[in-house]
């Protein structure tokens, strides 16, 4: 008997909760749509679907024009292909790696380097 009473109370509570949601709507869908249209016309931007400002483009040139200008700059040597807008990397030294290693070994043998300048031992 207790089980039937409990189930009926739970069912009654569920019906009450769900019926409240249906009754709580004050405006019809058509009324809400009309309000949204009026807000859009007025430009107030009310609601979730308000228009967002579009950012201005960085350049007004057409993409094809920019590409052709870039190709011409690469051909003339003004820029390096793949590094448009960046300076070409210049090497720190013009010596070959083998020459630098041999000079370092000689300096270590002669004692011209200090302990902090020695290469790390493996």
PDB file of N, CA and C in Angstrom:
ATOM      1  N   UNK A   1       0.813  -1.186   0.000  1.00  0.00           N
ATOM      2  CA  UNK A   1       0.000   0.000   0.000  1.00  0.00           C
ATOM      3  C   UNK A   1       0.864   1.260   0.000  1.00  0.00           C
ATOM      4  N   UNK A   2       1.946   1.240   0.740  1.00  0.00           N
ATOM      5  CA  UNK A   2       2.819   2.407   0.807  1.00  0.00           C
ATOM      6  C   UNK A   2       3.453   2.688  -0.553  1.00  0.00           C
ATOM      7  N   UNK A   3       3.769   1.612  -1.274  1.00  0.00           N
ATOM      8  CA  UNK A   3       4.401   1.759  -2.581  1.00  0.00           C
ATOM      9  C   UNK A   3       3.469   2.461  -3.565  1.00  0.00           C
ATOM     10  N   UNK A   4       2.209   2.105  -3.573  1.00  0.00           N
ATOM     11  CA  UNK A   4       1.249   2.733  -4.472  1.00  0.00           C
ATOM     12  C   UNK A   4       1.084   4.208  -4.139  1.00  0.00           C
ATOM     13  N   UNK A   5       1.037   4.526  -2.873  1.00  0.00           N
ATOM     14  CA  UNK A   5       0.889   5.907  -2.440  1.00  0.00           C
ATOM     15  C   UNK A   5       2.112   6.726  -2.851  1.00  0.00           C
ATOM     16  N   UNK A   6       3.293   6.156  -2.643  1.00  0.00           N
ATOM     17  CA  UNK A   6       4.541   6.859  -2.990  1.00  0.00           C
ATOM     18  C   UNK A   6       4.619   7.105  -4.495  1.00  0.00           C
ATOM     19  N   UNK A   7       4.289   6.081  -5.268  1.00  0.00           N
ATOM     20  CA  UNK A   7       4.327   6.228  -6.726  1.00  0.00           C
ATOM     21  C   UNK A   7       3.330   7.269  -7.210  1.00  0.00           C
ATOM     22  N   UNK A   8       2.163   7.291  -6.628  1.00  0.00           N
ATOM     23  CA  UNK A   8       1.158   8.257  -7.060  1.00  0.00           C
ATOM     24  C   UNK A   8       1.570   9.680  -6.684  1.00  0.00           C
ATOM     25  N   UNK A   9       2.234   9.840  -5.535  1.00  0.00           N
ATOM     26  CA  UNK A   9       2.712  11.164  -5.138  1.00  0.00           C
ATOM     27  C   UNK A   9       3.830  11.652  -6.076  1.00  0.00           C
ATOM     28  N   UNK A  10       4.728  10.730  -6.429  1.00  0.00           N
ATOM     29  CA  UNK A  10       5.818  11.096  -7.347  1.00  0.00           C
ATOM     30  C   UNK A  10       5.259  11.460  -8.713  1.00  0.00           C
ATOM     31  N   UNK A  11       4.294  10.702  -9.173  1.00  0.00           N
ATOM     32  CA  UNK A  11       3.679  10.992 -10.464  1.00  0.00           C
ATOM     33  C   UNK A  11       2.960  12.332 -10.439  1.00  0.00           C
ATOM     34  N   UNK A  12       2.267  12.621  -9.362  1.00  0.00           N
ATOM     35  CA  UNK A  12       1.556  13.892  -9.246  1.00  0.00           C
ATOM     36  C   UNK A  12       2.533  15.065  -9.222  1.00  0.00           C
ATOM     37  N   UNK A  13       3.650  14.879  -8.537  1.00  0.00           N
ATOM     38  CA  UNK A  13       4.654  15.950  -8.482  1.00  0.00           C
ATOM     39  C   UNK A  13       5.263  16.188  -9.859  1.00  0.00           C
ATOM     40  N   UNK A  14       5.528  15.106 -10.594  1.00  0.00           N
ATOM     41  CA  UNK A  14       6.099  15.243 -11.935  1.00  0.00           C
ATOM     42  C   UNK A  14       5.131  15.961 -12.865  1.00  0.00           C
ATOM     43  N   UNK A  15       3.863  15.612 -12.802  1.00  0.00           N
ATOM     44  CA  UNK A  15       2.858  16.259 -13.646  1.00  0.00           C
ATOM     45  C   UNK A  15       2.774  17.744 -13.300  1.00  0.00           C
ATOM     46  N   UNK A  16       2.847  18.063 -12.017  1.00  0.00           N
ATOM     47  CA  UNK A  16       2.760  19.460 -11.603  1.00  0.00           C
ATOM     48  C   UNK A  16       3.957  20.263 -12.114  1.00  0.00           C
ATOM     49  N   UNK A  17       5.132  19.679 -12.044  1.00  0.00           N
ATOM     50  CA  UNK A  17       6.328  20.384 -12.509  1.00  0.00           C
ATOM     51  C   UNK A  17       6.298  20.619 -14.018  1.00  0.00           C
ATOM     52  N   UNK A  18       5.924  19.600 -14.772  1.00  0.00           N
ATOM     53  CA  UNK A  18       5.913  19.735 -16.222  1.00  0.00           C
ATOM     54  C   UNK A  18       4.785  20.632 -16.712  1.00  0.00           C
ATOM     55  N   UNK A  19       3.671  20.623 -16.040  1.00  0.00           N
ATOM     56  CA  UNK A  19       2.562  21.463 -16.480  1.00  0.00           C
ATOM     57  C   UNK A  19       2.852  22.929 -16.175  1.00  0.00           C
ATOM     58  N   UNK A  20       3.633  23.207 -15.154  1.00  0.00           N
ATOM     59  CA  UNK A  20       3.991  24.583 -14.832  1.00  0.00           C
ATOM     60  C   UNK A  20       4.827  25.184 -15.959  1.00  0.00           C
ATOM     61  N   UNK A  21       5.753  24.416 -16.522  1.00  0.00           N
ATOM     62  CA  UNK A  21       6.581  24.901 -17.629  1.00  0.00           C
ATOM     63  C   UNK A  21       5.751  25.234 -18.843  1.00  0.00           C
ATOM     64  N   UNK A  22       4.737  24.462 -19.122  1.00  0.00           N
ATOM     65  CA  UNK A  22       3.882  24.715 -20.276  1.00  0.00           C
ATOM     66  C   UNK A  22       3.001  25.940 -20.041  1.00  0.00           C
ATOM     67  N   UNK A  23       2.564  26.135 -18.811  1.00  0.00           N
ATOM     68  CA  UNK A  23       1.690  27.253 -18.499  1.00  0.00           C
ATOM     69  C   UNK A  23       2.485  28.552 -18.323  1.00  0.00           C
ATOM     70  N   UNK A  24       3.780  28.469 -18.077  1.00  0.00           N
ATOM     71  CA  UNK A  24       4.578  29.645 -17.766  1.00  0.00           C
ATOM     72  C   UNK A  24       4.835  30.511 -18.991  1.00  0.00           C
ATOM     73  N   UNK A  25       4.677  29.982 -20.197  1.00  0.00           N
ATOM     74  CA  UNK A  25       4.904  30.781 -21.388  1.00  0.00           C
ATOM     75  C   UNK A  25       3.839  31.855 -21.493  1.00  0.00           C
ATOM     76  N   UNK A  26       4.308  33.099 -21.523  1.00  0.00           N
ATOM     77  CA  UNK A  26       3.367  34.197 -21.593  1.00  0.00           C
ATOM     78  C   UNK A  26       3.148  34.651 -23.030  1.00  0.00           C
ATOM     79  N   UNK A  27       4.196  34.557 -23.870  1.00  0.00           N
ATOM     80  CA  UNK A  27       4.104  35.047 -25.240  1.00  0.00           C
ATOM     81  C   UNK A  27       4.106  33.869 -26.204  1.00  0.00           C
ATOM     82  N   UNK A  28       3.416  34.055 -27.288  1.00  0.00           N
ATOM     83  CA  UNK A  28       3.422  33.021 -28.318  1.00  0.00           C
ATOM     84  C   UNK A  28       4.670  33.188 -29.183  1.00  0.00           C
ATOM     85  N   UNK A  29       4.946  32.201 -29.993  1.00  0.00           N
ATOM     86  CA  UNK A  29       6.111  32.234 -30.874  1.00  0.00           C
ATOM     87  C   UNK A  29       6.023  33.401 -31.860  1.00  0.00           C
ATOM     88  N   UNK A  30       4.829  33.656 -32.354  1.00  0.00           N
ATOM     89  CA  UNK A  30       4.634  34.750 -33.310  1.00  0.00           C
ATOM     90  C   UNK A  30       4.935  36.098 -32.664  1.00  0.00           C
ATOM     91  N   UNK A  31       4.526  36.264 -31.404  1.00  0.00           N
ATOM     92  CA  UNK A  31       4.793  37.521 -30.712  1.00  0.00           C
ATOM     93  C   UNK A  31       6.293  37.742 -30.505  1.00  0.00           C
ATOM     94  N   UNK A  32       6.994  36.678 -30.155  1.00  0.00           N
ATOM     95  CA  UNK A  32       8.441  36.781 -29.946  1.00  0.00           C
ATOM     96  C   UNK A  32       9.140  37.117 -31.256  1.00  0.00           C
ATOM     97  N   UNK A  33       8.708  36.498 -32.358  1.00  0.00           N
ATOM     98  CA  UNK A  33       9.292  36.790 -33.666  1.00  0.00           C
ATOM     99  C   UNK A  33       9.083  38.253 -34.053  1.00  0.00           C
ATOM    100  N   UNK A  34       7.889  38.765 -33.802  1.00  0.00           N
ATOM    101  CA  UNK A  34       7.599  40.159 -34.123  1.00  0.00           C
ATOM    102  C   UNK A  34       8.489  41.103 -33.318  1.00  0.00           C
ATOM    103  N   UNK A  35       8.702  40.803 -32.047  1.00  0.00           N
ATOM    104  CA  UNK A  35       9.569  41.629 -31.211  1.00  0.00           C
ATOM    105  C   UNK A  35      11.009  41.609 -31.733  1.00  0.00           C
ATOM    106  N   UNK A  36      11.462  40.441 -32.159  1.00  0.00           N
ATOM    107  CA  UNK A  36      12.820  40.327 -32.681  1.00  0.00           C
ATOM    108  C   UNK A  36      12.980  41.118 -33.968  1.00  0.00           C
ATOM    109  N   UNK A  37      11.997  41.072 -34.847  1.00  0.00           N
ATOM    110  CA  UNK A  37      12.043  41.841 -36.092  1.00  0.00           C
ATOM    111  C   UNK A  37      12.074  43.339 -35.800  1.00  0.00           C
ATOM    112  N   UNK A  38      11.248  43.763 -34.844  1.00  0.00           N
ATOM    113  CA  UNK A  38      11.204  45.180 -34.502  1.00  0.00           C
ATOM    114  C   UNK A  38      12.543  45.635 -33.916  1.00  0.00           C
ATOM    115  N   UNK A  39      13.147  44.796 -33.098  1.00  0.00           N
ATOM    116  CA  UNK A  39      14.447  45.148 -32.507  1.00  0.00           C
ATOM    117  C   UNK A  39      15.533  45.206 -33.572  1.00  0.00           C
ATOM    118  N   UNK A  40      15.462  44.308 -34.550  1.00  0.00           N
ATOM    119  CA  UNK A  40      16.453  44.309 -35.632  1.00  0.00           C
ATOM    120  C   UNK A  40      16.315  45.553 -36.493  1.00  0.00           C
ATOM    121  N   UNK A  41      15.086  45.971 -36.757  1.00  0.00           N
ATOM    122  CA  UNK A  41      14.857  47.182 -37.555  1.00  0.00           C
ATOM    123  C   UNK A  41      15.332  48.420 -36.810  1.00  0.00           C
ATOM    124  N   UNK A  42      15.099  48.433 -35.498  1.00  0.00           N
ATOM    125  CA  UNK A  42      15.494  49.580 -34.692  1.00  0.00           C
ATOM    126  C   UNK A  42      17.003  49.631 -34.499  1.00  0.00           C
ATOM    127  N   UNK A  43      17.672  48.484 -34.686  1.00  0.00           N
ATOM    128  CA  UNK A  43      19.127  48.452 -34.531  1.00  0.00           C
ATOM    129  C   UNK A  43      19.575  48.382 -33.092  1.00  0.00           C
ATOM    130  N   UNK A  44      18.696  47.994 -32.202  1.00  0.00           N
ATOM    131  CA  UNK A  44      19.082  47.911 -30.797  1.00  0.00           C
ATOM    132  C   UNK A  44      19.917  46.673 -30.514  1.00  0.00           C
ATOM    133  N   UNK A  45      19.838  45.671 -31.370  1.00  0.00           N
ATOM    134  CA  UNK A  45      20.656  44.480 -31.187  1.00  0.00           C
ATOM    135  C   UNK A  45      20.203  43.603 -30.050  1.00  0.00           C
ATOM    136  N   UNK A  46      18.952  43.654 -29.702  1.00  0.00           N
ATOM    137  CA  UNK A  46      18.455  42.832 -28.609  1.00  0.00           C
ATOM    138  C   UNK A  46      18.372  41.386 -29.060  1.00  0.00           C
ATOM    139  N   UNK A  47      18.634  40.490 -28.184  1.00  0.00           N
ATOM    140  CA  UNK A  47      18.532  39.067 -28.492  1.00  0.00           C
ATOM    141  C   UNK A  47      19.876  38.448 -28.810  1.00  0.00           C
ATOM    142  N   UNK A  48      19.871  37.149 -28.984  1.00  0.00           N
ATOM    143  CA  UNK A  48      21.116  36.425 -29.225  1.00  0.00           C
ATOM    144  C   UNK A  48      21.623  36.607 -30.649  1.00  0.00           C
ATOM    145  N   UNK A  49      20.747  36.872 -31.592  1.00  0.00           N
ATOM    146  CA  UNK A  49      21.140  36.939 -32.989  1.00  0.00           C
ATOM    147  C   UNK A  49      21.435  38.365 -33.428  1.00  0.00           C
ATOM    148  N   UNK A  50      21.980  39.181 -32.538  1.00  0.00           N
ATOM    149  CA  UNK A  50      22.283  40.553 -32.907  1.00  0.00           C
ATOM    150  C   UNK A  50      23.497  40.573 -33.831  1.00  0.00           C
ATOM    151  N   UNK A  51      23.511  41.463 -34.799  1.00  0.00           N
ATOM    152  CA  UNK A  51      24.634  41.498 -35.737  1.00  0.00           C
ATOM    153  C   UNK A  51      25.902  41.995 -35.059  1.00  0.00           C
ATOM    154  N   UNK A  52      27.029  41.354 -35.396  1.00  0.00           N
ATOM    155  CA  UNK A  52      28.315  41.762 -34.837  1.00  0.00           C
ATOM    156  C   UNK A  52      29.053  42.593 -35.870  1.00  0.00           C
ATOM    157  N   UNK A  53      29.857  43.533 -35.426  1.00  0.00           N
ATOM    158  CA  UNK A  53      30.581  44.370 -36.387  1.00  0.00           C
ATOM    159  C   UNK A  53      31.634  43.547 -37.133  1.00  0.00           C
ATOM    160  N   UNK A  54      31.767  43.820 -38.418  1.00  0.00           N
ATOM    161  CA  UNK A  54      32.727  43.102 -39.248  1.00  0.00           C
ATOM    162  C   UNK A  54      34.036  43.884 -39.234  1.00  0.00           C
ATOM    163  N   UNK A  55      35.171  43.245 -38.902  1.00  0.00           N
ATOM    164  CA  UNK A  55      36.434  43.976 -38.875  1.00  0.00           C
ATOM    165  C   UNK A  55      36.863  44.386 -40.286  1.00  0.00           C
ATOM    166  N   UNK A  56      37.538  45.517 -40.369  1.00  0.00           N
ATOM    167  CA  UNK A  56      37.994  46.007 -41.655  1.00  0.00           C
ATOM    168  C   UNK A  56      39.189  45.171 -42.120  1.00  0.00           C
ATOM    169  N   UNK A  57      39.305  44.930 -43.418  1.00  0.00           N
ATOM    170  CA  UNK A  57      40.449  44.168 -43.914  1.00  0.00           C
ATOM    171  C   UNK A  57      41.734  44.979 -43.786  1.00  0.00           C
ATOM    172  N   UNK A  58      42.875  44.272 -43.682  1.00  0.00           N
ATOM    173  CA  UNK A  58      44.165  44.939 -43.545  1.00  0.00           C
ATOM    174  C   UNK A  58      44.568  45.619 -44.846  1.00  0.00           C
ATOM    175  N   UNK A  59      44.146  45.080 -45.961  1.00  0.00           N
ATOM    176  CA  UNK A  59      44.529  45.607 -47.252  1.00  0.00           C
ATOM    177  C   UNK A  59      43.300  45.685 -48.155  1.00  0.00           C
ATOM    178  N   UNK A  60      43.335  46.637 -49.059  1.00  0.00           N
ATOM    179  CA  UNK A  60      42.231  46.754 -50.003  1.00  0.00           C
ATOM    180  C   UNK A  60      42.582  46.139 -51.354  1.00  0.00           C
ATOM    181  N   UNK A  61      43.830  45.688 -51.510  1.00  0.00           N
ATOM    182  CA  UNK A  61      44.260  45.085 -52.773  1.00  0.00           C
ATOM    183  C   UNK A  61      43.672  43.685 -52.915  1.00  0.00           C
ATOM    184  N   UNK A  62      43.423  43.298 -54.156  1.00  0.00           N
ATOM    185  CA  UNK A  62      42.890  41.960 -54.413  1.00  0.00           C
ATOM    186  C   UNK A  62      43.992  40.930 -54.151  1.00  0.00           C
ATOM    187  N   UNK A  63      43.588  39.737 -53.794  1.00  0.00           N
ATOM    188  CA  UNK A  63      44.546  38.692 -53.455  1.00  0.00           C
ATOM    189  C   UNK A  63      45.426  38.336 -54.656  1.00  0.00           C
ATOM    190  N   UNK A  64      44.842  38.296 -55.851  1.00  0.00           N
ATOM    191  CA  UNK A  64      45.620  37.966 -57.053  1.00  0.00           C
ATOM    192  C   UNK A  64      46.710  39.016 -57.296  1.00  0.00           C
ATOM    193  N   UNK A  65      46.386  40.291 -57.049  1.00  0.00           N
ATOM    194  CA  UNK A  65      47.384  41.351 -57.219  1.00  0.00           C
ATOM    195  C   UNK A  65      48.534  41.198 -56.230  1.00  0.00           C
ATOM    196  N   UNK A  66      48.207  40.876 -54.995  1.00  0.00           N
ATOM    197  CA  UNK A  66      49.231  40.710 -53.973  1.00  0.00           C
ATOM    198  C   UNK A  66      50.132  39.525 -54.315  1.00  0.00           C
ATOM    199  N   UNK A  67      49.528  38.433 -54.786  1.00  0.00           N
ATOM    200  CA  UNK A  67      50.321  37.264 -55.163  1.00  0.00           C
ATOM    201  C   UNK A  67      51.263  37.569 -56.322  1.00  0.00           C
ATOM    202  N   UNK A  68      50.775  38.293 -57.315  1.00  0.00           N
ATOM    203  CA  UNK A  68      51.638  38.615 -58.455  1.00  0.00           C
ATOM    204  C   UNK A  68      52.774  39.550 -58.036  1.00  0.00           C
ATOM    205  N   UNK A  69      52.495  40.509 -57.149  1.00  0.00           N
ATOM    206  CA  UNK A  69      53.546  41.392 -56.644  1.00  0.00           C
ATOM    207  C   UNK A  69      54.605  40.600 -55.882  1.00  0.00           C
ATOM    208  N   UNK A  70      54.173  39.630 -55.096  1.00  0.00           N
ATOM    209  CA  UNK A  70      55.101  38.815 -54.322  1.00  0.00           C
ATOM    210  C   UNK A  70      55.973  37.976 -55.241  1.00  0.00           C
ATOM    211  N   UNK A  71      55.388  37.370 -56.271  1.00  0.00           N
ATOM    212  CA  UNK A  71      56.173  36.576 -57.221  1.00  0.00           C
ATOM    213  C   UNK A  71      57.216  37.440 -57.916  1.00  0.00           C
ATOM    214  N   UNK A  72      56.838  38.648 -58.275  1.00  0.00           N
ATOM    215  CA  UNK A  72      57.785  39.555 -58.926  1.00  0.00           C
ATOM    216  C   UNK A  72      58.928  39.918 -57.978  1.00  0.00           C
ATOM    217  N   UNK A  73      58.631  40.125 -56.708  1.00  0.00           N
ATOM    218  CA  UNK A  73      59.668  40.462 -55.727  1.00  0.00           C
ATOM    219  C   UNK A  73      60.617  39.289 -55.507  1.00  0.00           C
ATOM    220  N   UNK A  74      60.107  38.074 -55.516  1.00  0.00           N
ATOM    221  CA  UNK A  74      60.948  36.889 -55.347  1.00  0.00           C
ATOM    222  C   UNK A  74      61.862  36.724 -56.561  1.00  0.00           C
ATOM    223  N   UNK A  75      61.320  36.944 -57.754  1.00  0.00           N
ATOM    224  CA  UNK A  75      62.127  36.824 -58.978  1.00  0.00           C
ATOM    225  C   UNK A  75      63.246  37.858 -59.014  1.00  0.00           C
ATOM    226  N   UNK A  76      62.953  39.066 -58.584  1.00  0.00           N
ATOM    227  CA  UNK A  76      63.960  40.122 -58.623  1.00  0.00           C
ATOM    228  C   UNK A  76      64.969  39.999 -57.483  1.00  0.00           C
ATOM    229  N   UNK A  77      64.713  39.127 -56.515  1.00  0.00           N
ATOM    230  CA  UNK A  77      65.648  38.918 -55.412  1.00  0.00           C
ATOM    231  C   UNK A  77      65.426  39.839 -54.233  1.00  0.00           C
ATOM    232  N   UNK A  78      64.348  40.590 -54.223  1.00  0.00           N
ATOM    233  CA  UNK A  78      64.071  41.490 -53.105  1.00  0.00           C
ATOM    234  C   UNK A  78      63.661  40.729 -51.855  1.00  0.00           C
ATOM    235  N   UNK A  79      63.005  39.596 -52.029  1.00  0.00           N
ATOM    236  CA  UNK A  79      62.617  38.763 -50.894  1.00  0.00           C
ATOM    237  C   UNK A  79      62.995  37.323 -51.183  1.00  0.00           C
ATOM    238  N   UNK A  80      63.083  36.526 -50.109  1.00  0.00           N
ATOM    239  CA  UNK A  80      63.381  35.107 -50.237  1.00  0.00           C
ATOM    240  C   UNK A  80      62.068  34.349 -50.250  1.00  0.00           C
ATOM    241  N   UNK A  81      61.943  33.366 -51.114  1.00  0.00           N
ATOM    242  CA  UNK A  81      60.699  32.612 -51.213  1.00  0.00           C
ATOM    243  C   UNK A  81      60.436  31.882 -49.905  1.00  0.00           C
ATOM    244  N   UNK A  82      59.248  31.998 -49.392  1.00  0.00           N
ATOM    245  CA  UNK A  82      58.884  31.340 -48.132  1.00  0.00           C
ATOM    246  C   UNK A  82      59.091  32.229 -46.929  1.00  0.00           C
ATOM    247  N   UNK A  83      59.826  33.314 -47.079  1.00  0.00           N
ATOM    248  CA  UNK A  83      60.085  34.226 -45.968  1.00  0.00           C
ATOM    249  C   UNK A  83      59.694  35.640 -46.366  1.00  0.00           C
ATOM    250  N   UNK A  84      58.528  35.811 -46.882  1.00  0.00           N
ATOM    251  CA  UNK A  84      58.068  37.116 -47.316  1.00  0.00           C
ATOM    252  C   UNK A  84      57.888  37.996 -46.095  1.00  0.00           C
ATOM    253  N   UNK A  85      58.459  39.178 -46.148  1.00  0.00           N
ATOM    254  CA  UNK A  85      58.321  40.121 -45.045  1.00  0.00           C
ATOM    255  C   UNK A  85      59.401  39.980 -43.996  1.00  0.00           C
ATOM    256  N   UNK A  86      60.197  38.930 -44.021  1.00  0.00           N
ATOM    257  CA  UNK A  86      61.255  38.738 -43.036  1.00  0.00           C
ATOM    258  C   UNK A  86      62.608  38.913 -43.714  1.00  0.00           C
ATOM    259  N   UNK A  87      63.595  39.326 -42.937  1.00  0.00           N
ATOM    260  CA  UNK A  87      64.941  39.472 -43.485  1.00  0.00           C
ATOM    261  C   UNK A  87      65.539  38.084 -43.705  1.00  0.00           C
ATOM    262  N   UNK A  88      66.313  37.920 -44.764  1.00  0.00           N
ATOM    263  CA  UNK A  88      66.985  36.638 -44.939  1.00  0.00           C
ATOM    264  C   UNK A  88      68.014  36.430 -43.824  1.00  0.00           C
ATOM    265  N   UNK A  89      68.135  35.225 -43.355  1.00  0.00           N
ATOM    266  CA  UNK A  89      69.052  34.914 -42.265  1.00  0.00           C
ATOM    267  C   UNK A  89      70.486  34.974 -42.775  1.00  0.00           C
ATOM    268  N   UNK A  90      71.336  35.687 -42.030  1.00  0.00           N
ATOM    269  CA  UNK A  90      72.750  35.744 -42.380  1.00  0.00           C
ATOM    270  C   UNK A  90      73.510  34.849 -41.415  1.00  0.00           C
ATOM    271  N   UNK A  91      74.443  34.065 -41.910  1.00  0.00           N
ATOM    272  CA  UNK A  91      75.191  33.183 -41.014  1.00  0.00           C
ATOM    273  C   UNK A  91      76.103  33.992 -40.096  1.00  0.00           C
ATOM    274  N   UNK A  92      76.375  33.468 -38.908  1.00  0.00           N
ATOM    275  CA  UNK A  92      77.233  34.154 -37.937  1.00  0.00           C
ATOM    276  C   UNK A  92      78.694  34.090 -38.368  1.00  0.00           C
ATOM    277  N   UNK A  93      79.050  33.024 -39.020  1.00  0.00           N
ATOM    278  CA  UNK A  93      80.428  32.836 -39.430  1.00  0.00           C
ATOM    279  C   UNK A  93      80.460  32.316 -40.864  1.00  0.00           C
ATOM    280  N   UNK A  94      81.513  32.667 -41.558  1.00  0.00           N
ATOM    281  CA  UNK A  94      81.658  32.182 -42.928  1.00  0.00           C
ATOM    282  C   UNK A  94      82.587  30.978 -43.007  1.00  0.00           C
ATOM    283  N   UNK A  95      83.155  30.560 -41.874  1.00  0.00           N
ATOM    284  CA  UNK A  95      84.079  29.428 -41.848  1.00  0.00           C
ATOM    285  C   UNK A  95      83.315  28.113 -41.895  1.00  0.00           C
ATOM    286  N   UNK A  96      83.966  27.092 -42.402  1.00  0.00           N
ATOM    287  CA  UNK A  96      83.367  25.762 -42.415  1.00  0.00           C
ATOM    288  C   UNK A  96      83.405  25.182 -41.010  1.00  0.00           C
ATOM    289  N   UNK A  97      82.497  24.286 -40.728  1.00  0.00           N
ATOM    290  CA  UNK A  97      82.408  23.700 -39.386  1.00  0.00           C
ATOM    291  C   UNK A  97      83.678  22.926 -39.024  1.00  0.00           C
ATOM    292  N   UNK A  98      84.235  22.218 -39.981  1.00  0.00           N
ATOM    293  CA  UNK A  98      85.456  21.440 -39.722  1.00  0.00           C
ATOM    294  C   UNK A  98      86.616  22.359 -39.346  1.00  0.00           C
ATOM    295  N   UNK A  99      86.708  23.525 -39.983  1.00  0.00           N
ATOM    296  CA  UNK A  99      87.773  24.476 -39.661  1.00  0.00           C
ATOM    297  C   UNK A  99      87.609  25.009 -38.238  1.00  0.00           C
ATOM    298  N   UNK A 100      86.389  25.317 -37.871  1.00  0.00           N
ATOM    299  CA  UNK A 100      86.128  25.844 -36.525  1.00  0.00           C
ATOM    300  C   UNK A 100      86.472  24.793 -35.480  1.00  0.00           C
ATOM    301  N   UNK A 101      86.122  23.532 -35.739  1.00  0.00           N
ATOM    302  CA  UNK A 101      86.428  22.463 -34.783  1.00  0.00           C
ATOM    303  C   UNK A 101      87.928  22.291 -34.626  1.00  0.00           C
ATOM    304  N   UNK A 102      88.671  22.338 -35.728  1.00  0.00           N
ATOM    305  CA  UNK A 102      90.126  22.160 -35.630  1.00  0.00           C
ATOM    306  C   UNK A 102      90.767  23.323 -34.872  1.00  0.00           C
ATOM    307  N   UNK A 103      90.284  24.556 -35.093  1.00  0.00           N
ATOM    308  CA  UNK A 103      90.805  25.703 -34.361  1.00  0.00           C
ATOM    309  C   UNK A 103      90.526  25.566 -32.866  1.00  0.00           C
ATOM    310  N   UNK A 104      89.364  25.075 -32.527  1.00  0.00           N
ATOM    311  CA  UNK A 104      89.006  24.910 -31.119  1.00  0.00           C
ATOM    312  C   UNK A 104      89.900  23.861 -30.461  1.00  0.00           C
ATOM    313  N   UNK A 105      90.140  22.753 -31.157  1.00  0.00           N
ATOM    314  CA  UNK A 105      91.011  21.712 -30.602  1.00  0.00           C
ATOM    315  C   UNK A 105      92.422  22.242 -30.363  1.00  0.00           C
ATOM    316  N   UNK A 106      92.941  23.030 -31.300  1.00  0.00           N
ATOM    317  CA  UNK A 106      94.278  23.609 -31.144  1.00  0.00           C
ATOM    318  C   UNK A 106      94.325  24.556 -29.953  1.00  0.00           C
ATOM    319  N   UNK A 107      93.275  25.357 -29.784  1.00  0.00           N
ATOM    320  CA  UNK A 107      93.229  26.302 -28.672  1.00  0.00           C
ATOM    321  C   UNK A 107      93.187  25.565 -27.340  1.00  0.00           C
ATOM    322  N   UNK A 108      92.479  24.438 -27.297  1.00  0.00           N
ATOM    323  CA  UNK A 108      92.408  23.653 -26.062  1.00  0.00           C
ATOM    324  C   UNK A 108      93.781  23.070 -25.750  1.00  0.00           C
ATOM    325  N   UNK A 109      94.471  22.561 -26.763  1.00  0.00           N
ATOM    326  CA  UNK A 109      95.807  21.980 -26.561  1.00  0.00           C
ATOM    327  C   UNK A 109      96.799  23.027 -26.068  1.00  0.00           C
ATOM    328  N   UNK A 110      96.738  24.216 -26.600  1.00  0.00           N
ATOM    329  CA  UNK A 110      97.675  25.271 -26.229  1.00  0.00           C
ATOM    330  C   UNK A 110      97.304  25.922 -24.903  1.00  0.00           C
ATOM    331  N   UNK A 111      96.085  25.682 -24.409  1.00  0.00           N
ATOM    332  CA  UNK A 111      95.650  26.266 -23.142  1.00  0.00           C
ATOM    333  C   UNK A 111      95.162  27.698 -23.302  1.00  0.00           C
ATOM    334  N   UNK A 112      94.742  28.071 -24.466  1.00  0.00           N
ATOM    335  CA  UNK A 112      94.269  29.436 -24.719  1.00  0.00           C
ATOM    336  C   UNK A 112      92.810  29.645 -24.304  1.00  0.00           C
ATOM    337  N   UNK A 113      92.108  28.593 -23.987  1.00  0.00           N
ATOM    338  CA  UNK A 113      90.709  28.733 -23.561  1.00  0.00           C
ATOM    339  C   UNK A 113      90.620  28.505 -22.065  1.00  0.00           C
ATOM    340  N   UNK A 114      89.604  29.106 -21.447  1.00  0.00           N
ATOM    341  CA  UNK A 114      89.399  28.887 -20.019  1.00  0.00           C
ATOM    342  C   UNK A 114      88.486  27.691 -19.841  1.00  0.00           C
ATOM    343  N   UNK A 115      88.342  27.260 -18.609  1.00  0.00           N
ATOM    344  CA  UNK A 115      87.560  26.042 -18.339  1.00  0.00           C
ATOM    345  C   UNK A 115      86.107  26.166 -18.748  1.00  0.00           C
ATOM    346  N   UNK A 116      85.517  27.337 -18.639  1.00  0.00           N
ATOM    347  CA  UNK A 116      84.109  27.518 -19.002  1.00  0.00           C
ATOM    348  C   UNK A 116      83.867  27.477 -20.501  1.00  0.00           C
ATOM    349  N   UNK A 117      84.897  27.667 -21.288  1.00  0.00           N
ATOM    350  CA  UNK A 117      84.738  27.682 -22.734  1.00  0.00           C
ATOM    351  C   UNK A 117      84.961  26.338 -23.370  1.00  0.00           C
ATOM    352  N   UNK A 118      85.386  25.352 -22.602  1.00  0.00           N
ATOM    353  CA  UNK A 118      85.638  24.035 -23.154  1.00  0.00           C
ATOM    354  C   UNK A 118      84.338  23.359 -23.560  1.00  0.00           C
ATOM    355  N   UNK A 119      84.362  22.581 -24.633  1.00  0.00           N
ATOM    356  CA  UNK A 119      83.141  21.882 -25.022  1.00  0.00           C
ATOM    357  C   UNK A 119      82.773  20.817 -23.984  1.00  0.00           C
ATOM    358  N   UNK A 120      81.484  20.546 -23.853  1.00  0.00           N
ATOM    359  CA  UNK A 120      81.002  19.550 -22.884  1.00  0.00           C
ATOM    360  C   UNK A 120      81.452  18.173 -23.310  1.00  0.00           C
ATOM    361  N   UNK A 121      81.927  17.368 -22.338  1.00  0.00           N
ATOM    362  CA  UNK A 121      82.361  16.004 -22.640  1.00  0.00           C
ATOM    363  C   UNK A 121      81.189  15.077 -22.561  1.00  0.00           C
ATOM    364  N   UNK A 122      81.159  14.095 -23.435  1.00  0.00           N
ATOM    365  CA  UNK A 122      80.053  13.141 -23.478  1.00  0.00           C
ATOM    366  C   UNK A 122      80.336  11.941 -22.623  1.00  0.00           C
TER     367      UNK A 122
END
